Structures are given as structure tokens and as C-alpha cells.
Amino acid sequence: MKIFRYIVVALAVALSASAAYAVPEPAAAERAEVAAQPTVKVVRGHVEINLPGEESKQVYVYALTGQLVKTVTAHPGVTVLDLPAGYYIVKCDGLSQRVIVR
């Protein structure tokens, strides 16, 4: 009987602790803001920038040395950049991402 009581108390403590420390779900506006960020990826030796929304944005491509390599106006949708092999930092609308073009 004592063991049963300990199991019930341990179960009650575990359930109350998990409910007390539950992480709230982000608001819909926060999820939409994250989804509205541009995405940068390397596909077959090219850099693809996927720009959501309806506004064009400036894209800056820097070498790791800090030298500005290319400036492009990206339109909504996918913009493809042809760059020589190397390491780059792509900046667009508050996003900075390092990419490796092979």
C-alpha cells in the first residue's frame, strides 16, 4: 500500500511540474514574421534567394575578407546568383547568412 501511495504522489508531482513549465505557443504574428524572412541556399553551384512578399529588396554579397562582391536587387520569388567558388556572406533584409559555393 505504501508503494502505491508513493507512485501516486510521484505521478501527481510529475504532472503538475510539466503543466507549470509549459512553453507557450508563439503568436500567429511572430510565426508570420519568421515566414516572411528571405531564405538563402546553394543549389548546383548557384546561390538561390527566395524572397517572400511583394517588395523587391537589395541583396549584398560579401567575401569573407569583407569586400563587397556583388549587389543585386532581388524581386519577389527566386533570384539566382552566379558566383565563383568560395565562401560568401549574403545579406538581405536583416538576414545574414554564410554560404559555400563549390
N, C-alpha and C. Protein backbone atom coordinates (compact mmCIF):
# COMPACT_ATOMS: atom_id res chain seq x y z
N MET A 1 0.81 -1.20 0.00
CA MET A 1 0.00 0.00 0.00
C MET A 1 0.85 1.26 0.00
N LYS A 2 1.98 1.23 0.74
CA LYS A 2 2.87 2.38 0.78
C LYS A 2 3.47 2.66 -0.59
N ILE A 3 3.81 1.63 -1.32
CA ILE A 3 4.40 1.79 -2.65
C ILE A 3 3.39 2.44 -3.60
N PHE A 4 2.14 2.01 -3.51
CA PHE A 4 1.09 2.59 -4.34
C PHE A 4 0.95 4.09 -4.05
N ARG A 5 1.00 4.47 -2.78
CA ARG A 5 0.88 5.87 -2.39
C ARG A 5 2.06 6.68 -2.95
N TYR A 6 3.28 6.15 -2.90
CA TYR A 6 4.45 6.84 -3.45
C TYR A 6 4.34 7.02 -4.96
N ILE A 7 3.82 6.01 -5.63
CA ILE A 7 3.65 6.09 -7.09
C ILE A 7 2.65 7.18 -7.43
N VAL A 8 1.53 7.23 -6.70
CA VAL A 8 0.50 8.24 -6.96
C VAL A 8 1.05 9.64 -6.71
N VAL A 9 1.79 9.83 -5.62
CA VAL A 9 2.36 11.14 -5.30
C VAL A 9 3.39 11.54 -6.36
N ALA A 10 4.26 10.61 -6.77
CA ALA A 10 5.27 10.91 -7.79
C ALA A 10 4.61 11.28 -9.11
N LEU A 11 3.55 10.58 -9.47
CA LEU A 11 2.83 10.87 -10.71
C LEU A 11 2.18 12.25 -10.64
N ALA A 12 1.59 12.58 -9.51
CA ALA A 12 0.95 13.89 -9.35
C ALA A 12 1.97 15.01 -9.43
N VAL A 13 3.14 14.83 -8.81
CA VAL A 13 4.19 15.84 -8.86
C VAL A 13 4.70 16.01 -10.29
N ALA A 14 4.89 14.91 -11.00
CA ALA A 14 5.38 14.98 -12.37
C ALA A 14 4.39 15.69 -13.28
N LEU A 15 3.11 15.40 -13.14
CA LEU A 15 2.10 16.05 -13.97
C LEU A 15 1.97 17.53 -13.66
N SER A 16 2.03 17.90 -12.40
CA SER A 16 1.90 19.32 -12.06
C SER A 16 3.15 20.09 -12.48
N ALA A 17 4.31 19.48 -12.43
CA ALA A 17 5.54 20.16 -12.83
C ALA A 17 5.55 20.42 -14.33
N SER A 18 5.09 19.46 -15.12
CA SER A 18 5.10 19.66 -16.57
C SER A 18 4.09 20.71 -16.99
N ALA A 19 2.98 20.83 -16.28
CA ALA A 19 1.98 21.85 -16.61
C ALA A 19 2.46 23.24 -16.20
N ALA A 20 3.23 23.32 -15.13
CA ALA A 20 3.69 24.61 -14.64
C ALA A 20 4.78 25.21 -15.54
N TYR A 21 5.53 24.38 -16.23
CA TYR A 21 6.63 24.86 -17.04
C TYR A 21 6.37 24.70 -18.53
N ALA A 22 5.14 24.69 -18.93
CA ALA A 22 4.81 24.56 -20.35
C ALA A 22 5.23 25.83 -21.09
N VAL A 23 5.79 25.66 -22.26
CA VAL A 23 6.23 26.78 -23.08
C VAL A 23 5.06 27.22 -23.95
N PRO A 24 4.70 28.50 -23.91
CA PRO A 24 3.56 28.95 -24.71
C PRO A 24 3.87 28.90 -26.20
N GLU A 25 2.86 28.67 -26.99
CA GLU A 25 2.96 28.64 -28.45
C GLU A 25 3.16 30.08 -28.94
N PRO A 26 4.09 30.31 -29.91
CA PRO A 26 4.28 31.68 -30.40
C PRO A 26 3.02 32.20 -31.07
N ALA A 27 2.83 33.49 -30.99
CA ALA A 27 1.66 34.13 -31.58
C ALA A 27 1.71 34.02 -33.10
N ALA A 28 0.56 34.12 -33.71
CA ALA A 28 0.47 34.00 -35.17
C ALA A 28 1.30 35.07 -35.87
N ALA A 29 1.34 36.27 -35.30
CA ALA A 29 2.12 37.35 -35.92
C ALA A 29 3.61 37.02 -35.91
N GLU A 30 4.11 36.40 -34.84
CA GLU A 30 5.52 36.02 -34.77
C GLU A 30 5.84 34.95 -35.80
N ARG A 31 4.93 33.98 -35.96
CA ARG A 31 5.16 32.92 -36.96
C ARG A 31 5.15 33.51 -38.36
N ALA A 32 4.27 34.46 -38.63
CA ALA A 32 4.21 35.09 -39.95
C ALA A 32 5.47 35.90 -40.22
N GLU A 33 6.01 36.56 -39.18
CA GLU A 33 7.23 37.35 -39.35
C GLU A 33 8.41 36.45 -39.70
N VAL A 34 8.51 35.30 -39.06
CA VAL A 34 9.59 34.36 -39.36
C VAL A 34 9.43 33.82 -40.77
N ALA A 35 8.20 33.53 -41.17
CA ALA A 35 7.96 33.01 -42.51
C ALA A 35 8.24 34.04 -43.59
N ALA A 36 8.17 35.34 -43.24
CA ALA A 36 8.37 36.40 -44.23
C ALA A 36 9.85 36.70 -44.47
N GLN A 37 10.75 36.05 -43.77
CA GLN A 37 12.19 36.27 -43.95
C GLN A 37 12.65 35.64 -45.27
N PRO A 38 13.58 36.26 -45.95
CA PRO A 38 14.13 35.63 -47.15
C PRO A 38 14.95 34.40 -46.77
N THR A 39 15.04 33.45 -47.69
CA THR A 39 15.86 32.26 -47.47
C THR A 39 16.97 32.22 -48.51
N VAL A 40 18.13 31.79 -48.08
CA VAL A 40 19.30 31.72 -48.96
C VAL A 40 19.83 30.29 -48.92
N LYS A 41 20.06 29.70 -50.11
CA LYS A 41 20.63 28.35 -50.16
C LYS A 41 21.45 28.20 -51.44
N VAL A 42 22.36 27.24 -51.40
CA VAL A 42 23.20 26.96 -52.56
C VAL A 42 22.64 25.73 -53.26
N VAL A 43 22.39 25.87 -54.56
CA VAL A 43 21.85 24.77 -55.37
C VAL A 43 22.70 24.65 -56.62
N ARG A 44 23.35 23.52 -56.80
CA ARG A 44 24.16 23.23 -58.00
C ARG A 44 25.15 24.34 -58.34
N GLY A 45 25.86 24.83 -57.34
CA GLY A 45 26.88 25.83 -57.57
C GLY A 45 26.38 27.25 -57.74
N HIS A 46 25.08 27.47 -57.52
CA HIS A 46 24.50 28.81 -57.61
C HIS A 46 23.86 29.15 -56.26
N VAL A 47 23.77 30.42 -55.96
CA VAL A 47 23.10 30.88 -54.74
C VAL A 47 21.68 31.27 -55.12
N GLU A 48 20.69 30.67 -54.43
CA GLU A 48 19.28 30.99 -54.67
C GLU A 48 18.75 31.77 -53.48
N ILE A 49 18.10 32.89 -53.77
CA ILE A 49 17.48 33.71 -52.73
C ILE A 49 15.99 33.69 -52.99
N ASN A 50 15.24 33.17 -52.02
CA ASN A 50 13.78 33.12 -52.13
C ASN A 50 13.22 34.26 -51.30
N LEU A 51 12.62 35.23 -51.96
CA LEU A 51 12.13 36.43 -51.30
C LEU A 51 10.60 36.40 -51.26
N PRO A 52 10.02 36.20 -50.06
CA PRO A 52 8.56 36.21 -49.95
C PRO A 52 8.03 37.64 -49.97
N GLY A 53 6.74 37.78 -50.12
CA GLY A 53 6.13 39.10 -50.10
C GLY A 53 6.03 39.69 -51.49
N GLU A 54 5.83 41.00 -51.51
CA GLU A 54 5.62 41.67 -52.79
C GLU A 54 6.61 42.81 -53.04
N GLU A 55 7.60 42.98 -52.16
CA GLU A 55 8.57 44.06 -52.31
C GLU A 55 9.91 43.52 -52.78
N SER A 56 10.58 44.29 -53.62
CA SER A 56 11.95 43.96 -54.01
C SER A 56 12.89 44.43 -52.91
N LYS A 57 13.99 43.71 -52.72
CA LYS A 57 14.96 44.03 -51.67
C LYS A 57 16.36 44.04 -52.27
N GLN A 58 17.25 44.80 -51.66
CA GLN A 58 18.65 44.81 -52.05
C GLN A 58 19.35 43.62 -51.38
N VAL A 59 20.19 42.94 -52.15
CA VAL A 59 20.98 41.81 -51.65
C VAL A 59 22.45 42.18 -51.82
N TYR A 60 23.21 42.03 -50.74
CA TYR A 60 24.63 42.33 -50.76
C TYR A 60 25.39 41.03 -50.52
N VAL A 61 26.38 40.77 -51.36
CA VAL A 61 27.21 39.57 -51.22
C VAL A 61 28.63 40.03 -50.91
N TYR A 62 29.15 39.54 -49.78
CA TYR A 62 30.49 39.90 -49.33
C TYR A 62 31.39 38.67 -49.33
N ALA A 63 32.66 38.86 -49.64
CA ALA A 63 33.66 37.81 -49.43
C ALA A 63 33.97 37.77 -47.94
N LEU A 64 34.59 36.69 -47.48
CA LEU A 64 34.91 36.60 -46.05
C LEU A 64 35.90 37.67 -45.61
N THR A 65 36.59 38.27 -46.55
CA THR A 65 37.51 39.36 -46.22
C THR A 65 36.78 40.66 -45.94
N GLY A 66 35.47 40.70 -46.25
CA GLY A 66 34.67 41.90 -46.03
C GLY A 66 34.47 42.72 -47.27
N GLN A 67 35.10 42.32 -48.37
CA GLN A 67 34.97 43.05 -49.62
C GLN A 67 33.60 42.78 -50.25
N LEU A 68 32.92 43.86 -50.68
CA LEU A 68 31.64 43.72 -51.36
C LEU A 68 31.89 43.12 -52.74
N VAL A 69 31.27 41.97 -52.99
CA VAL A 69 31.48 41.26 -54.26
C VAL A 69 30.38 41.59 -55.26
N LYS A 70 29.14 41.66 -54.78
CA LYS A 70 28.03 41.87 -55.70
C LYS A 70 26.86 42.52 -54.96
N THR A 71 26.16 43.39 -55.65
CA THR A 71 24.91 43.99 -55.16
C THR A 71 23.84 43.70 -56.20
N VAL A 72 22.72 43.14 -55.75
CA VAL A 72 21.65 42.75 -56.66
C VAL A 72 20.32 43.19 -56.07
N THR A 73 19.39 43.58 -56.91
CA THR A 73 18.02 43.83 -56.46
C THR A 73 17.24 42.53 -56.68
N ALA A 74 16.80 41.93 -55.58
CA ALA A 74 16.05 40.68 -55.65
C ALA A 74 14.56 41.00 -55.70
N HIS A 75 13.87 40.41 -56.64
CA HIS A 75 12.44 40.60 -56.78
C HIS A 75 11.73 39.44 -56.08
N PRO A 76 10.46 39.60 -55.71
CA PRO A 76 9.74 38.51 -55.05
C PRO A 76 9.82 37.22 -55.87
N GLY A 77 10.01 36.13 -55.18
CA GLY A 77 10.22 34.84 -55.83
C GLY A 77 11.67 34.43 -55.67
N VAL A 78 12.16 33.66 -56.62
CA VAL A 78 13.52 33.14 -56.53
C VAL A 78 14.46 33.94 -57.43
N THR A 79 15.56 34.39 -56.86
CA THR A 79 16.62 35.07 -57.60
C THR A 79 17.86 34.21 -57.54
N VAL A 80 18.50 33.96 -58.68
CA VAL A 80 19.68 33.10 -58.75
C VAL A 80 20.91 33.98 -58.98
N LEU A 81 21.94 33.75 -58.15
CA LEU A 81 23.20 34.47 -58.29
C LEU A 81 24.29 33.50 -58.73
N ASP A 82 25.01 33.85 -59.78
CA ASP A 82 26.15 33.07 -60.22
C ASP A 82 27.40 33.67 -59.60
N LEU A 83 28.08 32.88 -58.76
CA LEU A 83 29.29 33.33 -58.09
C LEU A 83 30.38 32.30 -58.29
N PRO A 84 31.64 32.73 -58.35
CA PRO A 84 32.73 31.76 -58.41
C PRO A 84 32.80 30.96 -57.10
N ALA A 85 33.48 29.84 -57.15
CA ALA A 85 33.62 29.01 -55.94
C ALA A 85 34.27 29.81 -54.83
N GLY A 86 33.75 29.65 -53.62
CA GLY A 86 34.30 30.37 -52.48
C GLY A 86 33.32 30.47 -51.34
N TYR A 87 33.73 31.19 -50.30
CA TYR A 87 32.91 31.42 -49.11
C TYR A 87 32.37 32.84 -49.18
N TYR A 88 31.08 33.02 -48.91
CA TYR A 88 30.46 34.33 -49.02
C TYR A 88 29.52 34.58 -47.84
N ILE A 89 29.24 35.84 -47.59
CA ILE A 89 28.21 36.25 -46.65
C ILE A 89 27.16 37.00 -47.46
N VAL A 90 25.92 36.51 -47.40
CA VAL A 90 24.83 37.12 -48.14
C VAL A 90 23.95 37.86 -47.14
N LYS A 91 23.71 39.16 -47.41
CA LYS A 91 22.87 39.98 -46.53
C LYS A 91 21.67 40.48 -47.31
N CYS A 92 20.50 40.29 -46.71
CA CYS A 92 19.26 40.74 -47.34
C CYS A 92 18.20 40.96 -46.27
N ASP A 93 17.71 42.19 -46.17
CA ASP A 93 16.57 42.50 -45.29
C ASP A 93 16.78 42.01 -43.86
N GLY A 94 17.94 42.29 -43.29
CA GLY A 94 18.20 41.91 -41.91
C GLY A 94 18.72 40.49 -41.73
N LEU A 95 18.77 39.71 -42.79
CA LEU A 95 19.28 38.34 -42.74
C LEU A 95 20.73 38.33 -43.19
N SER A 96 21.59 37.69 -42.44
CA SER A 96 22.99 37.48 -42.84
C SER A 96 23.25 35.99 -42.79
N GLN A 97 23.71 35.44 -43.89
CA GLN A 97 23.96 34.00 -43.92
C GLN A 97 25.24 33.70 -44.68
N ARG A 98 26.04 32.81 -44.10
CA ARG A 98 27.27 32.37 -44.77
C ARG A 98 26.93 31.23 -45.72
N VAL A 99 27.51 31.26 -46.90
CA VAL A 99 27.30 30.19 -47.87
C VAL A 99 28.64 29.78 -48.46
N ILE A 100 28.70 28.53 -48.91
CA ILE A 100 29.88 27.99 -49.58
C ILE A 100 29.45 27.57 -50.97
N VAL A 101 30.06 28.18 -51.97
CA VAL A 101 29.79 27.81 -53.36
C VAL A 101 30.94 26.94 -53.82
N ARG A 102 30.63 25.76 -54.31
CA ARG A 102 31.67 24.82 -54.76
C ARG A 102 31.66 24.66 -56.24
